[in-house]
C-alpha atoms as a PDB file:
ATOM      1  CA  MET A   1      54.073  71.972 101.830  1.00  0.00           C
ATOM      2  CA  GLN A   2      54.453  74.052  98.673  1.00  0.00           C
ATOM      3  CA  ASN A   3      52.791  77.340  97.919  1.00  0.00           C
ATOM      4  CA  ASN A   4      51.704  78.409  94.457  1.00  0.00           C
ATOM      5  CA  MET A   5      54.066  79.396  91.665  1.00  0.00           C
ATOM      6  CA  THR A   6      53.884  83.060  92.638  1.00  0.00           C
ATOM      7  CA  THR A   7      55.371  82.705  96.087  1.00  0.00           C
ATOM      8  CA  GLY A   8      57.399  79.489  95.813  1.00  0.00           C
ATOM      9  CA  TRP A   9      58.596  77.278  98.654  1.00  0.00           C
ATOM     10  CA  LYS A  10      58.664  78.549 102.241  1.00  0.00           C
ATOM     11  CA  GLY A  11      61.075  76.644 104.451  1.00  0.00           C
ATOM     12  CA  PHE A  12      61.755  77.103 108.169  1.00  0.00           C
ATOM     13  CA  LEU A  13      63.946  75.141 110.577  1.00  0.00           C
ATOM     14  CA  SER A  14      65.009  75.873 114.136  1.00  0.00           C
ATOM     15  CA  PHE A  15      66.721  73.758 116.791  1.00  0.00           C
ATOM     16  CA  SER A  16      68.855  74.105 119.915  1.00  0.00           C
ATOM     17  CA  PHE A  17      72.050  72.599 121.266  1.00  0.00           C
ATOM     18  CA  VAL A  18      71.633  71.929 124.998  1.00  0.00           C
ATOM     19  CA  GLU A  19      74.207  70.659 127.514  1.00  0.00           C
ATOM     20  CA  VAL A  20      72.919  67.763 129.632  1.00  0.00           C
ATOM     21  CA  ASN A  21      75.269  65.961 132.056  1.00  0.00           C
ATOM     22  CA  ASP A  22      78.427  67.093 130.221  1.00  0.00           C
ATOM     23  CA  LYS A  23      77.059  66.014 126.851  1.00  0.00           C
ATOM     24  CA  THR A  24      75.396  68.197 124.249  1.00  0.00           C
ATOM     25  CA  VAL A  25      72.084  67.056 122.780  1.00  0.00           C
ATOM     26  CA  VAL A  26      69.835  68.579 120.134  1.00  0.00           C
ATOM     27  CA  LYS A  27      66.372  69.700 121.263  1.00  0.00           C
ATOM     28  CA  ASP A  28      63.432  71.931 120.389  1.00  0.00           C
ATOM     29  CA  LYS A  29      63.378  71.086 116.709  1.00  0.00           C
ATOM     30  CA  LYS A  30      60.720  72.890 114.687  1.00  0.00           C
ATOM     31  CA  HIS A  31      60.317  72.950 110.931  1.00  0.00           C
ATOM     32  CA  PHE A  32      57.989  73.271 108.008  1.00  0.00           C
ATOM     33  CA  GLY A  33      58.526  73.123 104.293  1.00  0.00           C
ATOM     34  CA  PRO A  34      61.632  71.621 102.675  1.00  0.00           C
ATOM     35  CA  LEU A  35      64.240  72.238 105.418  1.00  0.00           C
ATOM     36  CA  VAL A  36      64.868  69.236 107.677  1.00  0.00           C
ATOM     37  CA  LEU A  37      67.473  68.137 110.204  1.00  0.00           C
ATOM     38  CA  GLN A  38      69.287  64.833 109.969  1.00  0.00           C
ATOM     39  CA  ARG A  39      69.661  62.821 113.154  1.00  0.00           C
ATOM     40  CA  PRO A  40      72.751  64.020 115.106  1.00  0.00           C
ATOM     41  CA  TYR A  41      75.806  61.781 115.190  1.00  0.00           C
ATOM     42  CA  TYR A  42      78.708  61.740 117.645  1.00  0.00           C
ATOM     43  CA  GLN A  43      82.288  61.402 116.442  1.00  0.00           C
ATOM     44  CA  GLU A  44      83.250  63.004 119.758  1.00  0.00           C
ATOM     45  CA  LYS A  45      81.332  61.896 122.824  1.00  0.00           C
ATOM     46  CA  ASP A  46      80.512  65.364 124.125  1.00  0.00           C
ATOM     47  CA  ARG A  47      79.604  67.216 120.921  1.00  0.00           C
ATOM     48  CA  PRO A  48      77.173  66.255 118.156  1.00  0.00           C
ATOM     49  CA  SER A  49      77.431  66.922 114.452  1.00  0.00           C
ATOM     50  CA  VAL A  50      74.235  67.732 112.580  1.00  0.00           C
ATOM     51  CA  LEU A  51      73.425  68.138 108.894  1.00  0.00           C
ATOM     52  CA  VAL A  52      70.789  70.510 107.559  1.00  0.00           C
ATOM     53  CA  LEU A  53      69.066  69.037 104.507  1.00  0.00           C
ATOM     54  CA  HIS A  54      67.157  70.736 101.727  1.00  0.00           C
ATOM     55  CA  PRO A  55      65.510  67.778  99.948  1.00  0.00           C
ATOM     56  CA  PRO A  56      64.303  69.583  96.799  1.00  0.00           C
ATOM     57  CA  GLY A  57      67.978  70.042  95.935  1.00  0.00           C
ATOM     58  CA  GLY A  58      67.859  73.671  94.901  1.00  0.00           C
ATOM     59  CA  VAL A  59      66.327  77.098  95.457  1.00  0.00           C
ATOM     60  CA  VAL A  60      64.478  79.057  92.778  1.00  0.00           C
ATOM     61  CA  GLY A  61      62.947  82.511  92.496  1.00  0.00           C
ATOM     62  CA  GLY A  62      60.160  83.048  95.005  1.00  0.00           C
ATOM     63  CA  ASP A  63      61.596  80.574  97.525  1.00  0.00           C
ATOM     64  CA  SER A  64      62.329  81.708 101.078  1.00  0.00           C
ATOM     65  CA  LEU A  65      64.408  79.714 103.586  1.00  0.00           C
ATOM     66  CA  GLU A  66      64.977  80.566 107.248  1.00  0.00           C
ATOM     67  CA  LEU A  67      67.273  78.704 109.647  1.00  0.00           C
ATOM     68  CA  ASN A  68      67.631  79.561 113.340  1.00  0.00           C
ATOM     69  CA  VAL A  69      70.118  77.683 115.531  1.00  0.00           C
ATOM     70  CA  SER A  70      70.554  78.269 119.264  1.00  0.00           C
ATOM     71  CA  PHE A  71      73.498  77.162 121.398  1.00  0.00           C
ATOM     72  CA  GLN A  72      72.519  77.110 125.071  1.00  0.00           C
ATOM     73  CA  PRO A  73      75.120  77.602 127.872  1.00  0.00           C
ATOM     74  CA  ARG A  74      78.134  75.233 127.749  1.00  0.00           C
ATOM     75  CA  SER A  75      76.875  73.426 124.650  1.00  0.00           C
ATOM     76  CA  LYS A  76      79.131  72.292 121.802  1.00  0.00           C
ATOM     77  CA  GLY A  77      78.411  71.209 118.264  1.00  0.00           C
ATOM     78  CA  MET A  78      79.072  71.282 114.549  1.00  0.00           C
ATOM     79  CA  VAL A  79      76.563  72.200 111.836  1.00  0.00           C
ATOM     80  CA  SER A  80      77.121  71.347 108.192  1.00  0.00           C
ATOM     81  CA  THR A  81      75.248  70.352 105.038  1.00  0.00           C
ATOM     82  CA  PRO A  82      75.561  67.121 103.033  1.00  0.00           C
ATOM     83  CA  ALA A  83      75.906  68.897  99.688  1.00  0.00           C
ATOM     84  CA  ALA A  84      76.070  72.287  98.037  1.00  0.00           C
ATOM     85  CA  THR A  85      73.141  74.672  98.331  1.00  0.00           C
ATOM     86  CA  LYS A  86      72.170  75.748  94.798  1.00  0.00           C
ATOM     87  CA  PHE A  87      70.283  78.838  93.746  1.00  0.00           C
ATOM     88  CA  TYR A  88      68.990  78.314  90.211  1.00  0.00           C
ATOM     89  CA  ARG A  89      68.236  80.882  87.524  1.00  0.00           C
ATOM     90  CA  SER A  90      64.907  82.616  87.934  1.00  0.00           C
ATOM     91  CA  ASP A  91      62.549  84.780  85.935  1.00  0.00           C
ATOM     92  CA  GLY A  92      63.563  87.817  87.968  1.00  0.00           C
ATOM     93  CA  ARG A  93      61.858  86.745  91.188  1.00  0.00           C
ATOM     94  CA  LEU A  94      63.848  87.040  94.413  1.00  0.00           C
ATOM     95  CA  ALA A  95      65.031  84.008  96.401  1.00  0.00           C
ATOM     96  CA  ILE A  96      65.875  84.547 100.075  1.00  0.00           C
ATOM     97  CA  GLN A  97      67.957  82.640 102.615  1.00  0.00           C
ATOM     98  CA  ASN A  98      68.373  83.911 106.183  1.00  0.00           C
ATOM     99  CA  GLN A  99      70.510  81.990 108.686  1.00  0.00           C
ATOM    100  CA  THR A 100      70.969  83.059 112.323  1.00  0.00           C
ATOM    101  CA  ILE A 101      73.132  81.326 114.928  1.00  0.00           C
ATOM    102  CA  ASN A 102      72.676  82.445 118.533  1.00  0.00           C
ATOM    103  CA  LEU A 103      75.469  81.731 121.040  1.00  0.00           C
ATOM    104  CA  SER A 104      74.566  82.176 124.699  1.00  0.00           C
ATOM    105  CA  GLU A 105      77.568  81.629 127.002  1.00  0.00           C
ATOM    106  CA  ASN A 106      80.635  79.364 127.109  1.00  0.00           C
ATOM    107  CA  VAL A 107      79.674  77.530 123.930  1.00  0.00           C
ATOM    108  CA  GLU A 108      81.825  76.033 121.173  1.00  0.00           C
ATOM    109  CA  VAL A 109      80.449  76.243 117.647  1.00  0.00           C
ATOM    110  CA  GLU A 110      81.666  74.934 114.307  1.00  0.00           C
ATOM    111  CA  TRP A 111      79.600  76.249 111.401  1.00  0.00           C
ATOM    112  CA  LEU A 112      81.043  74.424 108.391  1.00  0.00           C
ATOM    113  CA  PRO A 113      78.507  74.085 105.572  1.00  0.00           C
ATOM    114  CA  GLN A 114      79.320  72.978 102.064  1.00  0.00           C
ATOM    115  CA  GLU A 115      79.448  75.649  99.372  1.00  0.00           C
ATOM    116  CA  THR A 116      76.567  77.830  98.203  1.00  0.00           C
ATOM    117  CA  LEU A 117      76.335  78.070  94.401  1.00  0.00           C
ATOM    118  CA  PHE A 118      74.572  80.913  92.595  1.00  0.00           C
ATOM    119  CA  PHE A 119      73.750  80.171  88.960  1.00  0.00           C
ATOM    120  CA  ASN A 120      73.621  82.833  86.289  1.00  0.00           C
ATOM    121  CA  GLN A 121      70.323  84.784  86.221  1.00  0.00           C
ATOM    122  CA  SER A 122      69.539  83.913  89.828  1.00  0.00           C
ATOM    123  CA  VAL A 123      68.348  86.812  92.002  1.00  0.00           C
ATOM    124  CA  VAL A 124      69.208  86.197  95.644  1.00  0.00           C
ATOM    125  CA  ARG A 125      69.380  87.852  99.046  1.00  0.00           C
ATOM    126  CA  ASN A 126      71.525  85.687 101.287  1.00  0.00           C
ATOM    127  CA  SER A 127      72.424  86.474 104.901  1.00  0.00           C
ATOM    128  CA  LEU A 128      74.338  84.755 107.703  1.00  0.00           C
ATOM    129  CA  LYS A 129      74.418  86.190 111.221  1.00  0.00           C
ATOM    130  CA  LEU A 130      76.199  84.986 114.382  1.00  0.00           C
ATOM    131  CA  VAL A 131      74.868  86.606 117.549  1.00  0.00           C
ATOM    132  CA  LEU A 132      76.863  86.232 120.785  1.00  0.00           C
ATOM    133  CA  ASP A 133      75.143  87.081 124.059  1.00  0.00           C
ATOM    134  CA  ARG A 134      78.534  87.222 125.826  1.00  0.00           C
ATOM    135  CA  PRO A 135      82.162  87.487 124.688  1.00  0.00           C
ATOM    136  CA  GLY A 136      82.976  84.186 126.435  1.00  0.00           C
ATOM    137  CA  ASN A 137      82.230  81.948 123.457  1.00  0.00           C
ATOM    138  CA  LYS A 138      84.271  80.209 120.759  1.00  0.00           C
ATOM    139  CA  PHE A 139      83.489  79.535 117.129  1.00  0.00           C
ATOM    140  CA  ILE A 140      84.881  78.676 113.726  1.00  0.00           C
ATOM    141  CA  ALA A 141      82.584  79.585 110.857  1.00  0.00           C
ATOM    142  CA  TRP A 142      82.950  79.812 107.112  1.00  0.00           C
ATOM    143  CA  ASP A 143      80.981  80.773 104.056  1.00  0.00           C
ATOM    144  CA  ILE A 144      81.939  79.418 100.611  1.00  0.00           C
ATOM    145  CA  VAL A 145      80.399  81.054  97.529  1.00  0.00           C
ATOM    146  CA  GLY A 146      80.504  79.946  93.896  1.00  0.00           C
ATOM    147  CA  LEU A 147      79.268  82.095  91.012  1.00  0.00           C
ATOM    148  CA  GLY A 148      77.953  80.642  87.765  1.00  0.00           C
ATOM    149  CA  ARG A 149      79.032  77.280  86.339  1.00  0.00           C
ATOM    150  CA  PRO A 150      82.522  77.825  84.909  1.00  0.00           C
ATOM    151  CA  LEU A 151      82.900  74.214  83.753  1.00  0.00           C
ATOM    152  CA  SER A 152      79.845  74.745  81.523  1.00  0.00           C
ATOM    153  CA  GLY A 153      81.147  78.079  80.276  1.00  0.00           C
ATOM    154  CA  GLU A 154      78.580  80.005  82.323  1.00  0.00           C
ATOM    155  CA  GLY A 155      79.485  83.095  84.330  1.00  0.00           C
ATOM    156  CA  PHE A 156      77.356  85.270  86.599  1.00  0.00           C
ATOM    157  CA  GLU A 157      77.032  88.328  84.368  1.00  0.00           C
ATOM    158  CA  LEU A 158      73.222  88.298  84.467  1.00  0.00           C
ATOM    159  CA  GLY A 159      72.851  87.295  88.094  1.00  0.00           C
ATOM    160  CA  GLU A 160      72.133  89.484  91.115  1.00  0.00           C
ATOM    161  CA  LEU A 161      73.367  88.691  94.623  1.00  0.00           C
ATOM    162  CA  HIS A 162      73.044  90.598  97.878  1.00  0.00           C
ATOM    163  CA  GLN A 163      75.277  88.836 100.397  1.00  0.00           C
ATOM    164  CA  SER A 164      75.657  89.660 104.103  1.00  0.00           C
ATOM    165  CA  PHE A 165      77.819  88.045 106.815  1.00  0.00           C
ATOM    166  CA  GLU A 166      77.605  89.592 110.316  1.00  0.00           C
ATOM    167  CA  VAL A 167      78.894  88.920 113.833  1.00  0.00           C
ATOM    168  CA  TRP A 168      77.315  90.588 116.868  1.00  0.00           C
ATOM    169  CA  VAL A 169      78.707  90.508 120.423  1.00  0.00           C
ATOM    170  CA  GLU A 170      76.548  91.866 123.248  1.00  0.00           C
ATOM    171  CA  ASP A 171      74.401  93.824 120.778  1.00  0.00           C
ATOM    172  CA  ARG A 172      77.482  95.353 119.141  1.00  0.00           C
ATOM    173  CA  LEU A 173      78.235  94.751 115.477  1.00  0.00           C
ATOM    174  CA  VAL A 174      81.885  93.636 115.418  1.00  0.00           C
ATOM    175  CA  PHE A 175      82.082  92.288 111.865  1.00  0.00           C
ATOM    176  CA  VAL A 176      80.079  92.942 108.732  1.00  0.00           C
ATOM    177  CA  ASP A 177      80.840  91.796 105.208  1.00  0.00           C
ATOM    178  CA  ARG A 178      78.344  92.908 102.574  1.00  0.00           C
ATOM    179  CA  LEU A 179      78.600  92.258  98.867  1.00  0.00           C
ATOM    180  CA  LYS A 180      76.343  93.333  96.023  1.00  0.00           C
ATOM    181  CA  ILE A 181      76.745  91.877  92.562  1.00  0.00           C
ATOM    182  CA  SER A 182      74.401  93.068  89.846  1.00  0.00           C
ATOM    183  CA  PRO A 183      74.392  92.584  86.063  1.00  0.00           C
ATOM    184  CA  GLN A 184      77.662  93.819  84.540  1.00  0.00           C
ATOM    185  CA  SER A 185      78.987  94.581  88.027  1.00  0.00           C
ATOM    186  CA  ALA A 186      82.639  95.636  88.247  1.00  0.00           C
ATOM    187  CA  VAL A 187      82.990  93.446  91.344  1.00  0.00           C
ATOM    188  CA  LEU A 188      83.382  90.324  89.224  1.00  0.00           C
ATOM    189  CA  ASN A 189      86.547  91.382  87.403  1.00  0.00           C
ATOM    190  CA  SER A 190      87.996  94.248  89.407  1.00  0.00           C
ATOM    191  CA  ASP A 191      91.516  93.633  90.728  1.00  0.00           C
ATOM    192  CA  SER A 192      90.383  95.045  94.068  1.00  0.00           C
ATOM    193  CA  ALA A 193      87.441  92.625  94.292  1.00  0.00           C
ATOM    194  CA  LEU A 194      87.034  89.113  92.820  1.00  0.00           C
ATOM    195  CA  ALA A 195      89.550  89.636  90.001  1.00  0.00           C
ATOM    196  CA  GLY A 196      87.829  87.149  87.727  1.00  0.00           C
ATOM    197  CA  HIS A 197      87.616  84.363  90.294  1.00  0.00           C
ATOM    198  CA  SER A 198      84.374  82.381  90.412  1.00  0.00           C
ATOM    199  CA  LEU A 199      84.824  81.204  94.020  1.00  0.00           C
ATOM    200  CA  PHE A 200      85.443  83.079  97.238  1.00  0.00           C
ATOM    201  CA  ALA A 201      85.245  82.237 100.913  1.00  0.00           C
ATOM    202  CA  THR A 202      85.370  83.950 104.293  1.00  0.00           C
ATOM    203  CA  ALA A 203      86.391  82.044 107.415  1.00  0.00           C
ATOM    204  CA  LEU A 204      86.105  83.512 110.916  1.00  0.00           C
ATOM    205  CA  PHE A 205      87.857  82.278 114.053  1.00  0.00           C
ATOM    206  CA  TYR A 206      86.724  83.666 117.411  1.00  0.00           C
ATOM    207  CA  GLN A 207      87.756  83.263 121.022  1.00  0.00           C
ATOM    208  CA  ASP A 208      87.940  85.755 123.868  1.00  0.00           C
ATOM    209  CA  ASP A 209      91.678  85.300 124.489  1.00  0.00           C
ATOM    210  CA  PRO A 210      93.947  87.923 122.868  1.00  0.00           C
ATOM    211  CA  SER A 211      97.175  85.941 123.249  1.00  0.00           C
ATOM    212  CA  GLU A 212      95.700  82.815 121.650  1.00  0.00           C
ATOM    213  CA  GLN A 213      94.173  84.843 118.825  1.00  0.00           C
ATOM    214  CA  LYS A 214      97.546  86.459 118.157  1.00  0.00           C
ATOM    215  CA  ARG A 215      99.153  83.012 118.057  1.00  0.00           C
ATOM    216  CA  LEU A 216      96.503  81.746 115.627  1.00  0.00           C
ATOM    217  CA  LEU A 217      96.914  84.819 113.408  1.00  0.00           C
ATOM    218  CA  GLU A 218     100.653  84.244 113.191  1.00  0.00           C
ATOM    219  CA  MET A 219     100.214  80.529 112.458  1.00  0.00           C
ATOM    220  CA  LEU A 220      97.797  81.152 109.601  1.00  0.00           C
ATOM    221  CA  GLN A 221      99.876  83.988 108.166  1.00  0.00           C
ATOM    222  CA  ALA A 222     103.008  81.810 108.202  1.00  0.00           C
ATOM    223  CA  VAL A 223     101.513  79.246 105.801  1.00  0.00           C
ATOM    224  CA  LYS A 224     102.470  79.480 102.117  1.00  0.00           C
ATOM    225  CA  TRP A 225      98.941  79.051 100.801  1.00  0.00           C
ATOM    226  CA  PRO A 226      98.544  77.863  97.184  1.00  0.00           C
ATOM    227  CA  LEU A 227      95.719  80.329  96.519  1.00  0.00           C
ATOM    228  CA  ALA A 228      95.077  84.043  96.971  1.00  0.00           C
ATOM    229  CA  VAL A 229      94.636  84.190 100.760  1.00  0.00           C
ATOM    230  CA  GLY A 230      94.524  87.079 103.207  1.00  0.00           C
ATOM    231  CA  VAL A 231      94.488  86.696 106.996  1.00  0.00           C
ATOM    232  CA  THR A 232      93.840  89.654 109.303  1.00  0.00           C
ATOM    233  CA  GLN A 233      92.579  90.347 112.814  1.00  0.00           C
ATOM    234  CA  LEU A 234      89.646  92.515 113.888  1.00  0.00           C
ATOM    235  CA  ASP A 235      89.455  92.744 117.675  1.00  0.00           C
ATOM    236  CA  SER A 236      88.801  89.154 118.814  1.00  0.00           C
ATOM    237  CA  LEU A 237      88.160  87.868 115.288  1.00  0.00           C
ATOM    238  CA  VAL A 238      90.740  86.332 112.998  1.00  0.00           C
ATOM    239  CA  VAL A 239      89.440  86.754 109.440  1.00  0.00           C
ATOM    240  CA  MET A 240      90.582  84.662 106.483  1.00  0.00           C
ATOM    241  CA  ARG A 241      89.574  85.382 102.888  1.00  0.00           C
ATOM    242  CA  VAL A 242      90.222  83.118  99.929  1.00  0.00           C
ATOM    243  CA  LEU A 243      89.812  83.492  96.153  1.00  0.00           C
ATOM    244  CA  ALA A 244      89.869  80.513  93.786  1.00  0.00           C
ATOM    245  CA  SER A 245      88.698  79.099  90.486  1.00  0.00           C
ATOM    246  CA  GLU A 246      88.541  75.417  91.529  1.00  0.00           C
ATOM    247  CA  LEU A 247      86.161  74.179  94.210  1.00  0.00           C
ATOM    248  CA  ASP A 248      88.410  71.371  95.455  1.00  0.00           C
ATOM    249  CA  GLU A 249      91.252  73.827  95.918  1.00  0.00           C
ATOM    250  CA  ILE A 250      89.329  76.361  97.990  1.00  0.00           C
ATOM    251  CA  LYS A 251      87.837  73.624 100.179  1.00  0.00           C
ATOM    252  CA  GLN A 252      91.292  72.129 100.773  1.00  0.00           C
ATOM    253  CA  VAL A 253      92.654  75.491 101.896  1.00  0.00           C
ATOM    254  CA  LEU A 254      89.753  75.952 104.317  1.00  0.00           C
ATOM    255  CA  PHE A 255      90.174  72.428 105.643  1.00  0.00           C
ATOM    256  CA  ASP A 256      93.894  73.014 106.202  1.00  0.00           C
ATOM    257  CA  ALA A 257      93.145  76.278 108.034  1.00  0.00           C
ATOM    258  CA  TRP A 258      90.545  74.499 110.164  1.00  0.00           C
ATOM    259  CA  LYS A 259      93.103  71.832 111.115  1.00  0.00           C
ATOM    260  CA  ILE A 260      95.449  74.560 112.323  1.00  0.00           C
ATOM    261  CA  ALA A 261      92.755  76.546 114.138  1.00  0.00           C
ATOM    262  CA  ARG A 262      90.710  73.854 115.874  1.00  0.00           C
ATOM    263  CA  PRO A 263      93.290  72.934 118.552  1.00  0.00           C
ATOM    264  CA  VAL A 264      93.999  76.622 119.203  1.00  0.00           C
ATOM    265  CA  VAL A 265      90.393  77.817 119.399  1.00  0.00           C
ATOM    266  CA  PHE A 266      88.804  74.854 121.200  1.00  0.00           C
ATOM    267  CA  ASP A 267      91.849  73.137 122.749  1.00  0.00           C
ATOM    268  CA  VAL A 268      90.771  69.795 121.269  1.00  0.00           C
ATOM    269  CA  PRO A 269      92.407  67.515 118.679  1.00  0.00           C
ATOM    270  CA  VAL A 270      91.493  67.503 114.995  1.00  0.00           C
ATOM    271  CA  VAL A 271      88.656  65.068 114.239  1.00  0.00           C
ATOM    272  CA  LYS A 272      87.736  65.214 110.562  1.00  0.00           C
ATOM    273  CA  PRO A 273      83.941  65.311 110.117  1.00  0.00           C
ATOM    274  CA  ARG A 274      82.932  62.143 108.332  1.00  0.00           C
ATOM    275  CA  ILE A 275      80.718  64.112 105.947  1.00  0.00           C
ATOM    276  CA  TRP A 276      83.937  65.432 104.382  1.00  0.00           C
ATOM    277  CA  ASN A 277      84.864  61.899 103.308  1.00  0.00           C
ATOM    278  CA  THR A 278      81.953  61.709 100.851  1.00  0.00           C
END
């Protein structure tokens, strides 16, 4: 359903990962508007992969999207998207995307969407929140952001972005990354911020095992990455940040980091999601 031109599209999608007889299934799907869920597929017998689709292909001013994902006890799964999420230029109206992932207890989550692209003159509030009921969970999650369309000679000088990435554990905020870019913002070119790069990404690796997290930190820090990469640790979180000017390059770095981290975080072999072959 589509509302009038004043309010734009309203999209909502929620679903749950539930463990049944040592296999995770997807249940309780609810949606309206343009957000839909593709049928889960199983590259590994005990954990499904699901793709969130946005059929209109882009988000414009006045649109509002909300995604809520719940992982019930002992469930496992991967969530991705088949293509980039694009926020197009607007006439000054705000576009909103809110995504919340709830982890109950003893769950294993891979949140690995394709990139989110913000075109010049878009006005966006974008938030991603992971909420852990208990420390005893594991996840790998990333957020890839592209600004403007550099190949077309377009920057983001007239765009406005409010970006938020949070992790909560037992009602305690353990990680928050907030970014505000407004017209002529110094963030775009400052050496202490994006330094002229049009792409940036944050990847988080979490498990409630200090010795394994220390091992993962050392493994990621030992790599001679081809891009500007920083890897640090905040309590039980290993945080990786990447700056780039080429999309293929930043995605390759994240994929290489994921290959290192997956066996350490989940104690399972690397199985490349088939969506990454397209």
